[in-house]
Amino acid sequence: MKWKVIFAEESLREVLNLDKRIVKRMIQKLESISTKPRQHLTKLDGYDEYKLRVGDYRVLVLLSEKDRYIIIESVGHRKDIHKKLKRRRKRR
């Protein structure tokens, strides 16, 4: 059974600012992991989020086991994504 992919509002804004080729690769990768997401995602130490590598870009996701949702929290270049994660954690 496939998991449903959901984009958070912030991640949608981030995706709109990316090159279309990169977005296409991300969507293909997300579709390919939707049957067994844990097998393809890396848990971030000290965070609830997981990361998915797509070339030089990273997709930060939360998994909802109960509803079987892959929730896209943030998308960005690998050099910037961890800064976003730290800023968001301070706001919580």
N, C-alpha and C. Protein backbone atom coordinates (compact mmCIF):
# COMPACT_ATOMS: atom_id res chain seq x y z
N MET A 1 0.85 -1.19 0.00
CA MET A 1 0.00 0.00 0.00
C MET A 1 0.89 1.24 0.00
N LYS A 2 0.57 2.17 -0.87
CA LYS A 2 1.37 3.38 -1.00
C LYS A 2 1.05 4.39 0.09
N TRP A 3 2.07 5.15 0.46
CA TRP A 3 1.89 6.26 1.38
C TRP A 3 1.52 7.49 0.54
N LYS A 4 0.75 8.39 1.12
CA LYS A 4 0.35 9.61 0.44
C LYS A 4 1.36 10.71 0.73
N VAL A 5 1.78 11.44 -0.29
CA VAL A 5 2.74 12.53 -0.14
C VAL A 5 1.97 13.85 -0.01
N ILE A 6 2.28 14.59 1.07
CA ILE A 6 1.61 15.87 1.34
C ILE A 6 2.68 16.95 1.51
N PHE A 7 2.48 18.09 0.89
CA PHE A 7 3.42 19.21 1.01
C PHE A 7 2.91 20.21 2.04
N ALA A 8 3.78 20.58 2.99
CA ALA A 8 3.46 21.66 3.91
C ALA A 8 3.52 22.97 3.12
N GLU A 9 2.85 23.99 3.63
CA GLU A 9 2.76 25.27 2.92
C GLU A 9 4.15 25.86 2.61
N GLU A 10 5.03 25.81 3.59
CA GLU A 10 6.39 26.36 3.40
C GLU A 10 7.13 25.62 2.30
N SER A 11 7.00 24.30 2.27
CA SER A 11 7.71 23.52 1.27
C SER A 11 7.18 23.78 -0.14
N LEU A 12 5.90 24.08 -0.27
CA LEU A 12 5.35 24.41 -1.59
C LEU A 12 5.98 25.69 -2.13
N ARG A 13 6.16 26.69 -1.26
CA ARG A 13 6.82 27.93 -1.68
C ARG A 13 8.26 27.66 -2.11
N GLU A 14 8.93 26.80 -1.38
CA GLU A 14 10.32 26.47 -1.71
C GLU A 14 10.42 25.75 -3.05
N VAL A 15 9.49 24.85 -3.30
CA VAL A 15 9.49 24.09 -4.55
C VAL A 15 9.24 25.01 -5.74
N LEU A 16 8.39 26.00 -5.58
CA LEU A 16 8.09 26.92 -6.68
C LEU A 16 9.31 27.74 -7.10
N ASN A 17 10.29 27.87 -6.21
CA ASN A 17 11.50 28.64 -6.52
C ASN A 17 12.61 27.79 -7.13
N LEU A 18 12.38 26.50 -7.27
CA LEU A 18 13.40 25.61 -7.82
C LEU A 18 13.23 25.43 -9.32
N ASP A 19 14.31 25.00 -9.96
CA ASP A 19 14.30 24.67 -11.37
C ASP A 19 13.33 23.50 -11.62
N LYS A 20 12.63 23.53 -12.71
CA LYS A 20 11.62 22.50 -13.01
C LYS A 20 12.22 21.10 -13.11
N ARG A 21 13.45 21.00 -13.61
CA ARG A 21 14.09 19.68 -13.72
C ARG A 21 14.33 19.06 -12.34
N ILE A 22 14.73 19.90 -11.39
CA ILE A 22 14.98 19.42 -10.03
C ILE A 22 13.68 18.97 -9.38
N VAL A 23 12.64 19.76 -9.57
CA VAL A 23 11.33 19.41 -9.01
C VAL A 23 10.84 18.10 -9.60
N LYS A 24 11.03 17.91 -10.89
CA LYS A 24 10.60 16.67 -11.53
C LYS A 24 11.34 15.47 -10.93
N ARG A 25 12.66 15.62 -10.70
CA ARG A 25 13.44 14.53 -10.08
C ARG A 25 12.95 14.24 -8.66
N MET A 26 12.62 15.30 -7.91
CA MET A 26 12.12 15.12 -6.54
C MET A 26 10.81 14.36 -6.53
N ILE A 27 9.92 14.74 -7.41
CA ILE A 27 8.61 14.08 -7.47
C ILE A 27 8.77 12.61 -7.86
N GLN A 28 9.63 12.34 -8.83
CA GLN A 28 9.87 10.95 -9.22
C GLN A 28 10.44 10.14 -8.06
N LYS A 29 11.37 10.74 -7.33
CA LYS A 29 11.98 10.05 -6.19
C LYS A 29 10.94 9.80 -5.10
N LEU A 30 10.10 10.80 -4.81
CA LEU A 30 9.06 10.65 -3.79
C LEU A 30 8.07 9.56 -4.18
N GLU A 31 7.72 9.50 -5.46
CA GLU A 31 6.81 8.45 -5.92
C GLU A 31 7.46 7.08 -5.76
N SER A 32 8.75 7.00 -6.04
CA SER A 32 9.42 5.70 -5.96
C SER A 32 9.58 5.19 -4.53
N ILE A 33 9.63 6.09 -3.54
CA ILE A 33 9.79 5.64 -2.15
C ILE A 33 8.46 5.47 -1.44
N SER A 34 7.37 5.80 -2.10
CA SER A 34 6.07 5.84 -1.42
C SER A 34 5.55 4.48 -0.96
N THR A 35 6.14 3.40 -1.39
CA THR A 35 5.69 2.09 -0.90
C THR A 35 6.41 1.70 0.38
N LYS A 36 7.70 2.03 0.50
CA LYS A 36 8.49 1.72 1.70
C LYS A 36 9.40 2.91 2.02
N PRO A 37 8.85 4.00 2.56
CA PRO A 37 9.65 5.20 2.76
C PRO A 37 10.82 5.04 3.73
N ARG A 38 10.65 4.30 4.79
CA ARG A 38 11.73 4.16 5.79
C ARG A 38 12.99 3.54 5.19
N GLN A 39 12.82 2.75 4.18
CA GLN A 39 13.94 2.08 3.53
C GLN A 39 14.84 3.08 2.79
N HIS A 40 14.30 4.22 2.38
CA HIS A 40 15.03 5.18 1.56
C HIS A 40 15.36 6.48 2.28
N LEU A 41 14.80 6.67 3.46
CA LEU A 41 15.01 7.92 4.19
C LEU A 41 16.06 7.74 5.28
N THR A 42 16.74 8.83 5.61
CA THR A 42 17.73 8.84 6.68
C THR A 42 17.20 9.68 7.83
N LYS A 43 17.14 9.10 9.03
CA LYS A 43 16.66 9.82 10.22
C LYS A 43 17.71 10.85 10.63
N LEU A 44 17.27 12.06 10.92
CA LEU A 44 18.17 13.11 11.38
C LEU A 44 18.33 13.01 12.89
N ASP A 45 19.56 12.95 13.37
CA ASP A 45 19.84 12.85 14.80
C ASP A 45 19.30 14.06 15.55
N GLY A 46 18.51 13.82 16.58
CA GLY A 46 17.98 14.89 17.41
C GLY A 46 16.74 15.57 16.86
N TYR A 47 16.22 15.09 15.74
CA TYR A 47 15.04 15.69 15.12
C TYR A 47 14.01 14.60 14.82
N ASP A 48 12.79 15.01 14.60
CA ASP A 48 11.74 14.07 14.19
C ASP A 48 11.77 13.82 12.69
N GLU A 49 12.42 14.71 11.96
CA GLU A 49 12.44 14.66 10.51
C GLU A 49 13.41 13.60 9.96
N TYR A 50 13.12 13.24 8.72
CA TYR A 50 13.99 12.38 7.93
C TYR A 50 14.44 13.20 6.72
N LYS A 51 15.53 12.77 6.09
CA LYS A 51 15.95 13.46 4.87
C LYS A 51 16.00 12.49 3.71
N LEU A 52 15.74 13.04 2.54
CA LEU A 52 15.81 12.30 1.29
C LEU A 52 16.77 13.05 0.39
N ARG A 53 17.76 12.34 -0.12
CA ARG A 53 18.75 12.94 -1.01
C ARG A 53 18.26 12.88 -2.45
N VAL A 54 18.29 14.05 -3.12
CA VAL A 54 17.96 14.12 -4.54
C VAL A 54 19.05 14.97 -5.18
N GLY A 55 20.13 14.34 -5.59
CA GLY A 55 21.27 15.07 -6.14
C GLY A 55 21.86 15.97 -5.07
N ASP A 56 22.01 17.25 -5.38
CA ASP A 56 22.55 18.23 -4.42
C ASP A 56 21.46 18.81 -3.52
N TYR A 57 20.24 18.35 -3.66
CA TYR A 57 19.12 18.87 -2.88
C TYR A 57 18.68 17.86 -1.84
N ARG A 58 18.05 18.39 -0.79
CA ARG A 58 17.54 17.55 0.28
C ARG A 58 16.06 17.87 0.50
N VAL A 59 15.31 16.84 0.81
CA VAL A 59 13.89 16.96 1.13
C VAL A 59 13.74 16.49 2.57
N LEU A 60 13.27 17.39 3.45
CA LEU A 60 13.04 17.02 4.84
C LEU A 60 11.59 16.61 5.00
N VAL A 61 11.37 15.43 5.56
CA VAL A 61 10.02 14.90 5.68
C VAL A 61 9.73 14.41 7.09
N LEU A 62 8.45 14.42 7.42
CA LEU A 62 7.93 13.77 8.63
C LEU A 62 7.09 12.60 8.15
N LEU A 63 7.09 11.53 8.90
CA LEU A 63 6.26 10.37 8.56
C LEU A 63 5.13 10.25 9.57
N SER A 64 3.93 10.09 9.07
CA SER A 64 2.77 9.84 9.91
C SER A 64 2.38 8.37 9.71
N GLU A 65 2.81 7.56 10.65
CA GLU A 65 2.57 6.11 10.55
C GLU A 65 1.08 5.77 10.51
N LYS A 66 0.33 6.43 11.38
CA LYS A 66 -1.09 6.13 11.52
C LYS A 66 -1.85 6.38 10.21
N ASP A 67 -1.59 7.53 9.60
CA ASP A 67 -2.30 7.91 8.38
C ASP A 67 -1.57 7.51 7.10
N ARG A 68 -0.32 7.03 7.27
CA ARG A 68 0.53 6.67 6.13
C ARG A 68 0.76 7.86 5.21
N TYR A 69 1.18 8.98 5.82
CA TYR A 69 1.50 10.19 5.08
C TYR A 69 2.99 10.45 5.12
N ILE A 70 3.53 10.88 4.00
CA ILE A 70 4.88 11.44 3.92
C ILE A 70 4.67 12.94 3.81
N ILE A 71 5.00 13.67 4.85
CA ILE A 71 4.74 15.11 4.90
C ILE A 71 6.04 15.84 4.57
N ILE A 72 6.05 16.57 3.46
CA ILE A 72 7.23 17.32 3.04
C ILE A 72 7.27 18.61 3.83
N GLU A 73 8.27 18.74 4.70
CA GLU A 73 8.41 19.91 5.57
C GLU A 73 9.22 21.02 4.92
N SER A 74 10.30 20.66 4.24
CA SER A 74 11.19 21.65 3.66
C SER A 74 11.98 21.03 2.52
N VAL A 75 12.36 21.88 1.57
CA VAL A 75 13.13 21.46 0.41
C VAL A 75 14.21 22.51 0.18
N GLY A 76 15.44 22.07 -0.11
CA GLY A 76 16.48 23.05 -0.39
C GLY A 76 17.80 22.41 -0.76
N HIS A 77 18.73 23.26 -1.13
CA HIS A 77 20.08 22.82 -1.47
C HIS A 77 20.76 22.28 -0.21
N ARG A 78 21.62 21.32 -0.37
CA ARG A 78 22.24 20.66 0.78
C ARG A 78 23.02 21.61 1.67
N LYS A 79 23.57 22.70 1.11
CA LYS A 79 24.35 23.63 1.93
C LYS A 79 23.45 24.51 2.80
N ASP A 80 22.17 24.63 2.46
CA ASP A 80 21.26 25.52 3.18
C ASP A 80 20.23 24.81 4.04
N ILE A 81 19.95 23.56 3.76
CA ILE A 81 18.80 22.88 4.37
C ILE A 81 18.94 22.72 5.88
N HIS A 82 20.15 22.48 6.37
CA HIS A 82 20.31 22.28 7.81
C HIS A 82 20.15 23.58 8.58
N LYS A 83 20.48 24.70 7.93
CA LYS A 83 20.25 26.01 8.56
C LYS A 83 18.76 26.24 8.74
N LYS A 84 17.98 25.87 7.73
CA LYS A 84 16.52 26.01 7.82
C LYS A 84 15.97 25.16 8.95
N LEU A 85 16.49 23.96 9.07
CA LEU A 85 16.03 23.03 10.10
C LEU A 85 16.31 23.60 11.49
N LYS A 86 17.49 24.15 11.69
CA LYS A 86 17.84 24.72 13.00
C LYS A 86 16.99 25.94 13.32
N ARG A 87 16.73 26.79 12.32
CA ARG A 87 15.87 27.97 12.55
C ARG A 87 14.46 27.55 12.93
N ARG A 88 13.93 26.55 12.24
CA ARG A 88 12.57 26.10 12.52
C ARG A 88 12.49 25.49 13.91
N ARG A 89 13.52 24.78 14.32
CA ARG A 89 13.52 24.16 15.64
C ARG A 89 13.51 25.21 16.74
N LYS A 90 14.19 26.34 16.55
CA LYS A 90 14.23 27.41 17.54
C LYS A 90 12.84 28.04 17.69
N ARG A 91 12.08 28.09 16.58
CA ARG A 91 10.74 28.70 16.63
C ARG A 91 9.75 27.86 17.41
N ARG A 92 9.95 26.56 17.48
CA ARG A 92 8.99 25.67 18.15
C ARG A 92 9.00 25.84 19.63
